[in-house]
Amino acid sequence: MALHFHQFAYRSDNYGVLVHEDETGETVCIDAGDADAMFEALDEKGWRLSELWITHHHGDHTSHLLEIKEKTECLVIGPDYGSSISGLDKAIKEGENFEFAGHNVTPIHTPGHTMDMLNYYIEDGKVLFSGDTLFVMGCGRLFEGSAELMWQSLQKLMSLPEDTIIYCAHEYTQANVTFALSVDPENEALQNRSELVASLRRTGESTVPTMLSIELATNPFLRAGDQAIRSQLNMMDAEDADVFAEIRKRKDNF
């Protein structure tokens, strides 16, 4: 039962993703920030929506949830961590795995950007929907959680198989790679990736999805233990969480 993935853009820099299984005909959409864009994507593929998975409560991920639910009668799954998201049919926590079209889905709680942030990992497909936790060469701003909490969340994602494909929710890569070079300037893999990103964006192509192995090699927010970055920040003897906090602080002010 192979899964098919279709990413679509909405608003100025958001991405949604449709996941479809041919045999059962089931289709899920990740987040609900733009009903028109989602229905256009469904029409393009000839799929019918059966589920919505919500990552967190911010409006660019939830604002059209009720409209989509009313029009499709889909099942809406989302985080059970205290946020008030109207229209959830099933509120879940980390550890409460569920099945989609015969595939096991593991919810991963990654507080930091928001306290309710939930990522979804399809185990046999090695695919992660990281919401606003992990971006291509970046991570989410700390609107609700602490740097230490976000670092713990990122470590959960870093422990996934390195060939995990990661769909994140925003096209922030051009700015992220520019910042990454400021704290990790001698990283050859990062330098090469910068050139690739520039080429993709010149032609309007997406830089998402990414792969965990690539992020581990080039994303400074996952590289708090790297000696070159620590030297650049003059933090050779600091704890990883403190190095991460400094990188996040610098990005906020970049």
Foldseek 3Di string as FASTA:
>chain_A
DDKDKDWWDDDPWWIKMWIADPVVLEIEIEFDQDPVRVVVRCVVVVGAYAEYEYFDDDNNRQVCVVVVCVVRVHAYEYAPQPDDRPDHPHHDDFPPWDDDPRWIKGWAQQAFLHRRGIKIAGPVVLEIEREQADDQLEHHHRPDDDLLSSLVSVVVVLPRPQQRKYFYTTQPNLLNLVLLCLLQVVQPLSVVVNVVVVVCVVVPHGPPTDTNNSCCSRRVLNPLVPQSSCVSVVNNPPDSSVSNNVSSVVSVVD
